[in-house]
Amino acid sequence: MRVGIIGIQHESNTFIREPTTFVDFEAGRTWAGEAIRENLKDTNHETAGFFEGLAAAGIEAVPIYFALTMPSGAITAETAETLLQNVLDELAEAGPLDGILAAPHGAGAGVGDDLRDFDGWWLTRVRQVIGDDLPMITTIDPHANLSERMVAASDVVIAYATNPHIDQKARGLEAAELMRRTLAGEIKPVTAAAYPPVAINIERQRTSAPPCRPMYETLERMRDQPGVLSNSVVLGFPYADVEEMGSALIVVTDNDPAQAQALADELAGYLISHRQEFAGEFIDIPTAIDQAVAGEGPVCLMDMGDNVGGGATADGTHIAHELHRRADTTAYVCIYDPESAAAARAAGVGARIPLQMGGKMDASLGTPLEAEVTVRSLHDGDFHDSEVRHGGQTVYRMGDSAIVETGTGITICLTSLRIVPFSIKQITSCGLEPQDFQILVAKGVQAPAAAYEPVCASLIRVNTPGPTSADMHSFDYQYRRQPLFPFEEIGN
């Protein structure tokens, strides 16, 4: 038996002005054939679960094509066609296959009517090539905007069950086991989805805490029912202006589509009846800093408007400006600013120089922070984290970086590459310790928690402006479904 492995992963923020091109994917990761195995088999990514699970079942894994890049703007039509053609070319060279394990993100969005549902588009094209009889099992990020095309193209759809995403490999193992059972003739999986008119606020999407935790416990109990093979919550991705934006519930059964749909509808009913709990809490910057300064440290302030994992630029300055103005605490902030990083590196360790840091890429994220800074250290920005972190990532690159200090208590890491704050080694690899600061600013919402919670006394999610604002009412949606809570009221 031979099972192919394919993945195109991009979380597309359609409110980002700059589109995503194939150059961005090349700067991220694009692999064909055995390069996929070499780069992903030892990670916590779902593809590592694919490889391990297939090997344990005695099934040959056939890596075909994999591409991913940092969250950013909508994918251009030319890029979408290039990615798809790469998949189809490698698929044609792969030889006879007995199944496909696919790993889209689920929140990919392209430019153009047919491409807004990018993942549904390319999965459908793959299905057309392999035919209806070959099983295709698909894993997605719960920050997907699930489409009917994604479900129709797949025999099984499985979403990660944790946010931060620390169960990706486990979901890959689950997919591989369902593939084994399908190929052995033990099961005939069918998938159904329900789409409640509820958009879950991203501030409420922590799966280990209420209101999400009770919902996930309901899913866990449902898996004990005869015939249920898998179920998932799709939390949704609010930064994509697409028809599917919002939540969804997935149930996979053994050859019983009526049961699958009835159970998915039952889960959707739970979310509708509890919708007010998922509306979100918004804490402004001054209040958040007041709370952080008054409490035991370190305190992690989540900069939700500059959520790098949601496509923001990583050069937001709103929190930094308030910390600089107050000058009453110690804080660590990371800012993507190649120009300032280069200036600090040119000046050298010990130099004191004026800099205008951040606030250069998106006006909604603030203006540059102007300050006299002392250059404390210089770094190549590469580090490795073997711990299980959000996204399954182990290798990180900040690019040439500089640690600078203001005279107001702020230590700033200036990077020449955008980096997601998924590892505490972003701090420790530069010779700093979290305990050195009262406040650590992380540009995210839920994802950084896996790294920051173990070293912080508390986490506060801050309602900052920006292209990833937690306030969905701040976005001008053109394509979202209606009615959709919290934009419109809905009945039970």
Protein backbone atom coordinates (compact mmCIF):
# COMPACT_ATOMS: atom_id res chain seq x y z
CA MET A 1 0.00 0.00 0.00
CA ARG A 2 1.22 3.52 -0.89
CA VAL A 3 -0.26 6.73 0.54
CA GLY A 4 0.67 10.17 -0.75
CA ILE A 5 1.27 13.19 1.48
CA ILE A 6 0.38 16.68 0.26
CA GLY A 7 0.19 20.03 2.04
CA ILE A 8 -0.30 23.70 1.22
CA GLN A 9 -0.64 25.79 4.36
CA HIS A 10 -1.34 29.50 4.50
CA GLU A 11 -3.46 31.52 6.89
CA SER A 12 -4.64 34.37 4.68
CA ASN A 13 -5.54 37.71 6.26
CA THR A 14 -7.52 39.46 3.53
CA PHE A 15 -7.35 42.75 5.45
CA ILE A 16 -3.59 42.92 4.85
CA ARG A 17 -2.93 45.17 1.86
CA GLU A 18 0.05 43.30 0.41
CA PRO A 19 -0.88 40.03 -1.33
CA THR A 20 1.01 36.78 -0.84
CA THR A 21 3.11 35.60 -3.80
CA PHE A 22 5.09 32.49 -4.60
CA VAL A 23 8.22 34.37 -3.52
CA ASP A 24 6.76 34.36 0.00
CA PHE A 25 6.29 30.59 -0.15
CA GLU A 26 9.86 30.17 -1.40
CA ALA A 27 11.05 32.29 1.54
CA GLY A 28 8.99 30.03 3.80
CA ARG A 29 9.15 26.36 2.92
CA THR A 30 8.49 24.53 -0.34
CA TRP A 31 9.54 20.89 -0.55
CA ALA A 32 8.97 18.05 -2.97
CA GLY A 33 9.48 14.33 -2.47
CA GLU A 34 11.80 13.09 0.24
CA ALA A 35 12.71 16.64 1.32
CA ILE A 36 9.31 16.72 3.05
CA ARG A 37 10.20 13.71 5.17
CA GLU A 38 13.68 15.04 5.94
CA ASN A 39 12.37 18.38 7.17
CA LEU A 40 9.17 17.40 8.98
CA LYS A 41 9.43 13.84 10.30
CA ASP A 42 11.02 14.88 13.61
CA THR A 43 8.69 17.81 14.33
CA ASN A 44 5.33 18.04 16.10
CA HIS A 45 3.64 18.82 12.78
CA GLU A 46 0.76 16.68 11.52
CA THR A 47 2.93 15.41 8.68
CA ALA A 48 5.24 13.87 11.29
CA GLY A 49 2.17 11.99 12.50
CA PHE A 50 1.42 10.95 8.92
CA PHE A 51 4.88 9.46 8.49
CA GLU A 52 4.98 7.76 11.88
CA GLY A 53 1.45 6.38 11.66
CA LEU A 54 1.86 5.00 8.15
CA ALA A 55 5.19 3.40 9.05
CA ALA A 56 3.64 1.70 12.09
CA ALA A 57 0.90 0.31 9.83
CA GLY A 58 3.38 -1.00 7.28
CA ILE A 59 2.12 1.44 4.65
CA GLU A 60 4.59 3.23 2.39
CA ALA A 61 4.45 7.01 2.80
CA VAL A 62 4.95 8.82 -0.51
CA PRO A 63 5.77 12.50 0.15
CA ILE A 64 4.58 14.53 -2.83
CA TYR A 65 4.58 18.30 -2.27
CA PHE A 66 4.45 20.65 0.70
CA ALA A 67 4.44 24.45 0.85
CA LEU A 68 3.85 26.93 3.64
CA THR A 69 4.64 30.48 4.55
CA MET A 70 3.93 32.94 7.33
CA PRO A 71 0.39 34.28 7.67
CA SER A 72 -0.01 37.27 5.36
CA GLY A 73 -2.32 38.75 2.73
CA ALA A 74 -4.52 36.99 0.19
CA ILE A 75 -2.78 34.63 -2.25
CA THR A 76 -2.49 35.95 -5.81
CA ALA A 77 -4.17 33.96 -8.58
CA GLU A 78 -0.82 33.33 -10.25
CA THR A 79 0.61 31.97 -7.01
CA ALA A 80 -2.41 29.73 -6.47
CA GLU A 81 -2.04 28.27 -9.95
CA THR A 82 1.70 27.73 -9.44
CA LEU A 83 1.17 25.91 -6.15
CA LEU A 84 -1.55 23.72 -7.62
CA GLN A 85 0.51 22.90 -10.70
CA ASN A 86 3.44 21.92 -8.48
CA VAL A 87 1.13 19.54 -6.59
CA LEU A 88 -0.26 18.04 -9.79
CA ASP A 89 3.18 17.67 -11.39
CA GLU A 90 4.59 15.86 -8.36
CA LEU A 91 1.43 13.79 -8.04
CA ALA A 92 1.81 12.63 -11.64
CA GLU A 93 5.37 11.48 -10.87
CA ALA A 94 4.44 9.67 -7.66
CA GLY A 95 3.19 6.48 -9.27
CA PRO A 96 0.12 4.46 -8.23
CA LEU A 97 -1.35 5.44 -4.87
CA ASP A 98 -3.90 3.86 -2.56
CA GLY A 99 -4.79 7.03 -0.65
CA ILE A 100 -3.92 10.66 0.10
CA LEU A 101 -3.22 12.35 3.42
CA ALA A 102 -3.72 16.08 2.84
CA ALA A 103 -2.72 18.97 5.11
CA PRO A 104 -4.23 22.28 4.03
CA HIS A 105 -4.50 25.05 6.60
CA GLY A 106 -8.18 25.68 6.06
CA ALA A 107 -7.97 29.49 6.14
CA GLY A 108 -6.23 29.92 2.81
CA ALA A 109 -7.85 32.68 0.74
CA GLY A 110 -6.92 33.77 -2.76
CA VAL A 111 -7.67 36.78 -4.92
CA GLY A 112 -10.81 36.22 -7.01
CA ASP A 113 -14.24 34.70 -6.54
CA ASP A 114 -13.25 31.06 -7.03
CA LEU A 115 -10.06 31.40 -5.01
CA ARG A 116 -11.49 32.96 -1.85
CA ASP A 117 -11.99 29.36 -0.76
CA PHE A 118 -8.40 28.51 -1.70
CA ASP A 119 -8.16 25.25 0.22
CA GLY A 120 -11.48 23.99 -1.08
CA TRP A 121 -10.34 24.94 -4.58
CA TRP A 122 -7.08 22.98 -4.56
CA LEU A 123 -8.47 19.99 -2.66
CA THR A 124 -11.25 19.74 -5.26
CA ARG A 125 -8.71 19.79 -8.09
CA VAL A 126 -6.72 17.01 -6.42
CA ARG A 127 -9.91 14.99 -5.98
CA GLN A 128 -10.69 15.40 -9.67
CA VAL A 129 -7.27 13.98 -10.55
CA ILE A 130 -7.26 11.00 -8.16
CA GLY A 131 -10.90 10.07 -8.76
CA ASP A 132 -13.74 9.32 -6.38
CA ASP A 133 -12.57 5.90 -5.19
CA LEU A 134 -9.21 6.85 -3.66
CA PRO A 135 -9.60 7.79 0.04
CA MET A 136 -8.39 11.27 0.98
CA ILE A 137 -8.14 12.16 4.66
CA THR A 138 -7.58 15.81 5.46
CA THR A 139 -6.29 17.60 8.57
CA ILE A 140 -6.93 21.31 9.13
CA ASP A 141 -6.11 24.03 11.61
CA PRO A 142 -9.15 24.89 13.79
CA HIS A 143 -8.62 28.48 12.64
CA ALA A 144 -10.03 27.36 9.32
CA ASN A 145 -13.10 28.77 7.62
CA LEU A 146 -14.50 25.41 6.62
CA SER A 147 -16.15 25.20 3.20
CA GLU A 148 -18.50 22.65 1.72
CA ARG A 149 -15.89 22.07 -1.00
CA MET A 150 -13.27 21.02 1.57
CA VAL A 151 -15.69 18.50 3.06
CA ALA A 152 -16.91 17.21 -0.31
CA ALA A 153 -13.35 16.62 -1.54
CA SER A 154 -12.37 14.64 1.57
CA ASP A 155 -13.51 11.35 3.03
CA VAL A 156 -12.48 12.59 6.48
CA VAL A 157 -11.74 16.08 7.83
CA ILE A 158 -9.99 16.39 11.21
CA ALA A 159 -9.18 19.69 12.96
CA TYR A 160 -6.54 20.04 15.66
CA ALA A 161 -8.23 19.95 19.06
CA THR A 162 -5.95 22.36 20.91
CA ASN A 163 -5.28 26.08 20.81
CA PRO A 164 -2.36 26.71 21.22
CA HIS A 165 -1.93 23.94 18.65
CA ILE A 166 0.13 21.33 20.50
CA ASP A 167 -1.68 18.23 19.20
CA GLN A 168 -0.82 18.47 15.51
CA LYS A 169 1.25 15.29 15.46
CA ALA A 170 -1.49 13.46 17.36
CA ARG A 171 -4.03 14.51 14.75
CA GLY A 172 -1.67 13.31 12.02
CA LEU A 173 -1.45 9.95 13.79
CA GLU A 174 -5.25 9.85 13.99
CA ALA A 175 -5.51 10.54 10.26
CA ALA A 176 -2.98 7.82 9.46
CA GLU A 177 -4.86 5.29 11.63
CA LEU A 178 -8.16 6.09 9.93
CA MET A 179 -6.40 5.64 6.59
CA ARG A 180 -5.09 2.25 7.72
CA ARG A 181 -8.54 1.13 8.80
CA THR A 182 -10.09 2.41 5.59
CA LEU A 183 -7.58 0.62 3.36
CA ALA A 184 -8.02 -2.57 5.40
CA GLY A 185 -11.76 -2.45 4.76
CA GLU A 186 -12.54 -2.12 8.48
CA ILE A 187 -14.42 1.18 8.08
CA LYS A 188 -16.00 3.36 5.40
CA PRO A 189 -15.76 6.89 6.82
CA VAL A 190 -18.22 9.62 5.90
CA THR A 191 -18.00 13.24 7.01
CA ALA A 192 -20.73 15.78 7.74
CA ALA A 193 -20.44 19.40 8.82
CA ALA A 194 -22.78 21.94 10.39
CA TYR A 195 -22.30 25.68 10.08
CA PRO A 196 -23.93 27.55 12.99
CA PRO A 197 -24.29 31.30 12.37
CA VAL A 198 -21.76 32.09 15.11
CA ALA A 199 -18.32 33.67 14.78
CA ILE A 200 -16.28 32.80 17.88
CA ASN A 201 -14.21 35.75 19.05
CA ILE A 202 -10.53 34.90 18.83
CA GLU A 203 -10.05 36.10 22.42
CA ARG A 204 -12.32 33.22 23.49
CA GLN A 205 -10.62 30.47 21.50
CA ARG A 206 -8.42 28.99 24.24
CA THR A 207 -9.40 25.32 24.16
CA SER A 208 -8.25 24.44 27.69
CA ALA A 209 -10.40 27.13 29.35
CA PRO A 210 -14.06 28.13 29.33
CA PRO A 211 -16.05 28.70 27.23
CA CYS A 212 -14.26 26.36 24.81
CA ARG A 213 -13.37 23.61 27.28
CA PRO A 214 -16.98 22.54 28.07
CA MET A 215 -17.71 22.41 24.34
CA TYR A 216 -14.71 20.16 23.70
CA GLU A 217 -15.77 17.92 26.58
CA THR A 218 -19.12 17.51 24.83
CA LEU A 219 -17.26 16.35 21.71
CA GLU A 220 -15.16 13.92 23.75
CA ARG A 221 -18.29 12.28 25.18
CA MET A 222 -19.81 12.03 21.70
CA ARG A 223 -16.83 9.98 20.49
CA ASP A 224 -17.97 7.15 22.77
CA GLN A 225 -21.11 6.67 20.71
CA PRO A 226 -21.16 3.62 18.41
CA GLY A 227 -20.20 4.48 14.86
CA VAL A 228 -18.49 7.80 15.64
CA LEU A 229 -14.93 7.80 14.28
CA SER A 230 -13.94 11.43 14.84
CA ASN A 231 -15.33 14.90 15.50
CA SER A 232 -13.93 18.41 15.51
CA VAL A 233 -14.65 22.04 16.27
CA VAL A 234 -13.66 24.60 13.66
CA LEU A 235 -13.15 27.82 15.61
CA GLY A 236 -12.92 30.01 12.52
CA PHE A 237 -10.54 32.73 11.31
CA PRO A 238 -12.08 36.22 11.55
CA TYR A 239 -9.39 37.93 9.48
CA ALA A 240 -10.51 36.42 6.18
CA ASP A 241 -13.39 38.14 4.43
CA VAL A 242 -14.91 35.01 2.90
CA GLU A 243 -18.37 33.48 2.73
CA GLU A 244 -17.37 30.70 5.13
CA MET A 245 -15.98 32.97 7.87
CA GLY A 246 -17.17 31.62 11.22
CA SER A 247 -17.47 28.38 13.12
CA ALA A 248 -18.27 24.85 12.00
CA LEU A 249 -18.68 21.41 13.58
CA ILE A 250 -17.47 18.19 11.95
CA VAL A 251 -18.51 14.61 12.66
CA VAL A 252 -17.10 11.50 10.96
CA THR A 253 -19.02 8.21 11.21
CA ASP A 254 -18.63 4.71 9.84
CA ASN A 255 -20.79 4.75 6.71
CA ASP A 256 -23.73 6.54 8.35
CA PRO A 257 -24.15 10.01 6.81
CA ALA A 258 -27.47 10.60 8.59
CA GLN A 259 -25.87 9.97 11.98
CA ALA A 260 -22.93 12.21 11.10
CA GLN A 261 -25.18 15.11 10.09
CA ALA A 262 -27.49 14.73 13.08
CA LEU A 263 -24.57 14.80 15.51
CA ALA A 264 -22.94 17.76 13.76
CA ASP A 265 -26.24 19.63 13.97
CA GLU A 266 -26.46 18.74 17.68
CA LEU A 267 -23.03 20.25 18.31
CA ALA A 268 -23.99 23.34 16.32
CA GLY A 269 -27.01 23.71 18.59
CA TYR A 270 -24.71 23.73 21.62
CA LEU A 271 -22.69 26.59 20.17
CA ILE A 272 -25.78 28.58 19.23
CA SER A 273 -27.27 28.24 22.72
CA HIS A 274 -23.98 29.29 24.36
CA ARG A 275 -23.09 32.01 21.83
CA GLN A 276 -22.99 34.91 24.32
CA GLU A 277 -20.12 33.19 26.13
CA PHE A 278 -18.03 33.36 22.95
CA ALA A 279 -18.42 37.11 22.33
CA GLY A 280 -15.07 38.10 23.87
CA GLU A 281 -13.66 40.43 26.51
CA PHE A 282 -11.78 43.60 25.58
CA ILE A 283 -9.15 45.13 27.90
CA ASP A 284 -7.60 48.41 26.78
CA ILE A 285 -3.87 49.15 26.91
CA PRO A 286 -3.74 51.42 30.02
CA THR A 287 -5.90 49.03 32.03
CA ALA A 288 -3.83 46.03 30.98
CA ILE A 289 -0.58 47.71 31.96
CA ASP A 290 -2.06 48.87 35.28
CA GLN A 291 -2.99 45.26 36.05
CA ALA A 292 0.41 43.96 34.95
CA VAL A 293 2.37 46.45 37.03
CA ALA A 294 0.24 45.81 40.12
CA GLY A 295 0.51 42.04 39.99
CA GLU A 296 3.20 39.42 40.41
CA GLY A 297 5.54 39.25 37.42
CA PRO A 298 6.37 38.42 34.82
CA VAL A 299 3.04 39.18 33.18
CA CYS A 300 2.57 38.44 29.49
CA LEU A 301 0.61 41.07 27.59
CA MET A 302 -0.82 39.58 24.41
CA ASP A 303 -0.84 42.24 21.68
CA MET A 304 -3.93 41.00 19.83
CA GLY A 305 -3.96 43.70 17.14
CA ASP A 306 -0.43 42.78 16.04
CA ASN A 307 -0.97 39.02 16.03
CA VAL A 308 1.89 37.77 13.84
CA GLY A 309 0.27 34.35 13.62
CA GLY A 310 -2.81 36.04 12.17
CA GLY A 311 -0.92 37.91 9.47
CA ALA A 312 0.02 41.17 11.21
CA THR A 313 3.35 42.83 10.48
CA ALA A 314 5.03 42.38 13.90
CA ASP A 315 6.05 46.04 14.04
CA GLY A 316 3.14 47.35 16.12
CA THR A 317 4.02 49.94 18.75
CA HIS A 318 0.84 50.78 20.67
CA ILE A 319 1.82 48.94 23.86
CA ALA A 320 5.47 50.04 23.57
CA HIS A 321 4.42 53.70 23.35
CA GLU A 322 2.39 53.45 26.56
CA LEU A 323 5.18 51.62 28.39
CA HIS A 324 7.68 54.25 27.21
CA ARG A 325 5.39 57.09 28.30
CA ARG A 326 4.83 55.63 31.76
CA ALA A 327 8.45 54.59 32.37
CA ASP A 328 7.39 52.85 35.58
CA THR A 329 8.24 49.19 34.93
CA THR A 330 10.55 46.79 33.11
CA ALA A 331 9.35 45.28 29.87
CA TYR A 332 10.47 43.17 26.91
CA VAL A 333 9.09 43.86 23.42
CA CYS A 334 10.02 42.30 20.08
CA ILE A 335 9.64 44.50 16.99
CA TYR A 336 10.24 43.59 13.36
CA ASP A 337 12.30 46.46 11.97
CA PRO A 338 15.18 45.53 9.63
CA GLU A 339 16.23 49.17 9.30
CA SER A 340 16.60 49.74 13.04
CA ALA A 341 18.23 46.33 13.54
CA ALA A 342 20.82 47.21 10.90
CA ALA A 343 21.47 50.62 12.47
CA ALA A 344 22.02 49.06 15.89
CA ARG A 345 24.35 46.44 14.45
CA ALA A 346 26.32 49.11 12.61
CA ALA A 347 26.68 51.16 15.79
CA GLY A 348 27.91 48.16 17.79
CA VAL A 349 27.50 46.90 21.34
CA GLY A 350 27.66 49.69 23.90
CA ALA A 351 26.73 52.45 21.47
CA ARG A 352 23.94 54.85 22.34
CA ILE A 353 21.96 55.93 19.29
CA PRO A 354 18.60 57.49 18.40
CA LEU A 355 16.18 55.14 16.66
CA GLN A 356 12.69 55.23 15.25
CA MET A 357 11.50 51.68 15.90
CA GLY A 358 8.52 49.91 14.36
CA GLY A 359 5.31 51.53 13.18
CA LYS A 360 6.48 51.63 9.56
CA MET A 361 4.31 49.09 7.77
CA ASP A 362 0.67 49.56 8.80
CA ALA A 363 -0.71 52.83 10.15
CA SER A 364 -3.27 50.98 12.27
CA LEU A 365 -0.43 49.44 14.31
CA GLY A 366 0.95 52.75 15.55
CA THR A 367 3.72 55.22 14.80
CA PRO A 368 7.47 54.62 15.20
CA LEU A 369 8.74 54.61 18.78
CA GLU A 370 11.40 57.32 18.94
CA ALA A 371 13.99 56.81 21.66
CA GLU A 372 17.66 57.00 22.54
CA VAL A 373 18.72 53.40 23.03
CA THR A 374 21.80 51.54 24.19
CA VAL A 375 22.84 48.56 22.08
CA ARG A 376 23.26 45.63 24.50
CA SER A 377 23.92 42.64 22.23
CA LEU A 378 23.84 41.39 18.64
CA HIS A 379 22.61 38.00 17.40
CA ASP A 380 22.17 35.97 14.22
CA GLY A 381 18.57 35.25 15.24
CA ASP A 382 18.61 31.48 14.72
CA PHE A 383 17.43 29.19 17.52
CA HIS A 384 15.93 25.76 18.08
CA ASP A 385 13.20 24.67 20.49
CA SER A 386 12.56 20.96 20.95
CA GLU A 387 9.56 21.54 23.26
CA VAL A 388 6.04 20.97 21.95
CA ARG A 389 4.91 24.41 20.84
CA HIS A 390 2.09 25.89 18.81
CA GLY A 391 2.40 24.99 15.15
CA GLY A 392 4.76 22.05 15.63
CA GLN A 393 7.70 24.32 14.81
CA THR A 394 11.19 23.56 16.16
CA VAL A 395 13.49 25.81 14.09
CA TYR A 396 13.13 29.59 14.23
CA ARG A 397 14.78 32.46 12.38
CA MET A 398 14.64 36.10 13.47
CA GLY A 399 17.38 37.18 11.08
CA ASP A 400 20.15 39.54 12.16
CA SER A 401 18.89 40.97 15.43
CA ALA A 402 19.83 43.49 18.08
CA ILE A 403 18.88 43.88 21.73
CA VAL A 404 18.54 47.54 22.69
CA GLU A 405 17.42 49.30 25.86
CA THR A 406 15.60 52.58 26.26
CA GLY A 407 16.08 54.76 29.28
CA THR A 408 12.51 54.04 30.30
CA GLY A 409 12.75 50.38 31.27
CA ILE A 410 12.02 48.78 27.90
CA THR A 411 14.25 46.12 26.35
CA ILE A 412 13.53 45.77 22.64
CA CYS A 413 14.53 42.91 20.37
CA LEU A 414 14.83 44.34 16.86
CA THR A 415 14.59 41.64 14.21
CA SER A 416 15.19 41.62 10.46
CA LEU A 417 12.67 38.82 9.84
CA ARG A 418 9.07 38.53 11.06
CA ILE A 419 8.85 35.91 13.77
CA VAL A 420 5.92 34.32 15.56
CA PRO A 421 6.28 34.41 19.39
CA PHE A 422 5.85 30.67 19.83
CA SER A 423 9.06 29.97 21.79
CA ILE A 424 10.48 31.50 24.96
CA LYS A 425 13.91 30.93 23.41
CA GLN A 426 13.20 34.03 21.38
CA ILE A 427 14.16 35.72 24.65
CA THR A 428 16.69 33.34 26.19
CA SER A 429 18.67 32.82 22.97
CA CYS A 430 19.59 36.50 23.25
CA GLY A 431 21.01 36.12 26.75
CA LEU A 432 17.90 37.43 28.51
CA GLU A 433 15.67 35.75 31.09
CA PRO A 434 11.90 36.20 31.39
CA GLN A 435 12.29 36.80 35.13
CA ASP A 436 14.31 39.93 34.35
CA PHE A 437 11.09 41.72 33.37
CA GLN A 438 7.77 42.61 34.94
CA ILE A 439 6.09 42.60 31.52
CA LEU A 440 6.67 40.45 28.44
CA VAL A 441 4.82 41.57 25.32
CA ALA A 442 3.90 38.78 22.89
CA LYS A 443 2.33 39.63 19.56
CA GLY A 444 -0.48 37.08 19.52
CA VAL A 445 -3.69 35.94 21.19
CA GLN A 446 -3.65 32.26 22.16
CA ALA A 447 -0.71 30.68 20.33
CA PRO A 448 2.10 32.17 22.49
CA ALA A 449 0.53 30.77 25.68
CA ALA A 450 2.19 27.36 25.29
CA ALA A 451 5.58 29.05 25.60
CA TYR A 452 4.80 31.94 27.93
CA GLU A 453 2.43 30.40 30.46
CA PRO A 454 5.13 28.24 32.13
CA VAL A 455 7.28 31.32 32.87
CA CYS A 456 4.63 33.98 33.55
CA ALA A 457 2.49 34.58 36.61
CA SER A 458 -0.42 35.61 34.39
CA LEU A 459 -1.44 36.43 30.82
CA ILE A 460 -3.55 39.43 29.79
CA ARG A 461 -5.02 39.73 26.30
CA VAL A 462 -4.94 43.37 25.23
CA ASN A 463 -7.42 44.93 22.81
CA THR A 464 -4.97 46.76 20.56
CA PRO A 465 -5.85 48.21 17.13
CA GLY A 466 -4.51 46.57 13.99
CA PRO A 467 -5.20 44.13 11.16
CA THR A 468 -5.79 41.36 13.72
CA SER A 469 -7.90 43.30 16.19
CA ALA A 470 -9.98 41.07 18.45
CA ASP A 471 -12.97 43.34 17.80
CA MET A 472 -14.55 41.87 14.67
CA HIS A 473 -16.76 44.95 14.35
CA SER A 474 -13.66 46.92 13.33
CA PHE A 475 -13.50 45.10 9.97
CA ASP A 476 -15.44 45.92 6.82
CA TYR A 477 -16.64 42.51 5.64
CA GLN A 478 -18.05 42.21 2.12
CA TYR A 479 -18.58 38.47 1.79
CA ARG A 480 -19.36 36.99 5.22
CA ARG A 481 -22.57 35.04 5.73
CA GLN A 482 -25.59 36.77 7.23
CA PRO A 483 -27.02 36.63 9.80
CA LEU A 484 -23.91 35.93 11.84
CA PHE A 485 -23.53 36.47 15.58
CA PRO A 486 -22.19 38.80 17.00
CA PHE A 487 -22.88 41.09 14.02
CA GLU A 488 -26.57 40.20 13.92
CA GLU A 489 -28.76 38.62 16.56
CA ILE A 490 -29.89 35.07 15.87
CA GLY A 491 -32.52 32.84 17.41
CA ASN A 492 -32.00 29.62 19.34
